[in-house]
């Protein structure tokens, strides 16, 4: 099992080009998004937490800190990005990519931000070592089977092809895992300014491990199948009850 803090390497179009090239309504929201992007470019020191999360999150476009950022007192970044997206276009992902690039540049030019990034990376390194010790002791499956079951039930195709779509599920799993299984580093992860990034990455790691265990451990594989069938039956029963309620 490998746990990494891999960075984004691919180049994507800048948000200014995306927004500048958009046509149609709502023009006011497009202007608002462009103004927000300009502010972050010009004064990154005013958006440190946002940029910290963008720098460290494995999937910035699924970050709740980024998506729930108030562009105005009444408008969230995710809502504005979704409303200005053209068919086949994902402005939310483009926003996340650009915030990552701004953060990367800011890290190189601002010593305080660079130290903060380094401190968060050291925290993740400690987390990695703690997880590796659990694996060495073969304690994961014995002590944290319920969390592994929950992780193993996540869609394997999405995990391979589109893991960012599972970003909120990763965050939820990571939050539980940090609280229940990592007493030495969990509180630091949860209280960090980059907690959104750390916990999402932790859930991603846990999910990949759970799917790897499922391929090798027949007993665990059977338990996952049973739990999936149980949840399927429960959902079918809920649908039947809803249909009966409509007829009455």
Foldseek 3Di string as FASTA:
>chain_A
DDADQDFDDDDDDALCVVLVPADDPDVVLSVLVNVLLVCCLVCVVVVLLLLLQLQRAPQQLLFCCQQQPDSDPVDGPVVSQVVRADVPGRSSSNVSVNSNVSSVVCLVVPVVSVVLSVVVVVLVVVVVVLVVVCVVVVNCCVPPVVLLLLLQLPDPVCLPPPVSVCQVVQLVSLLVCLVPPPVPRSVVLCPPSNVSRSSSSSSNVSSVVSNVCLVPPVVSVVVSVVVVVVVVVVVVVVVVVVVVVVVD
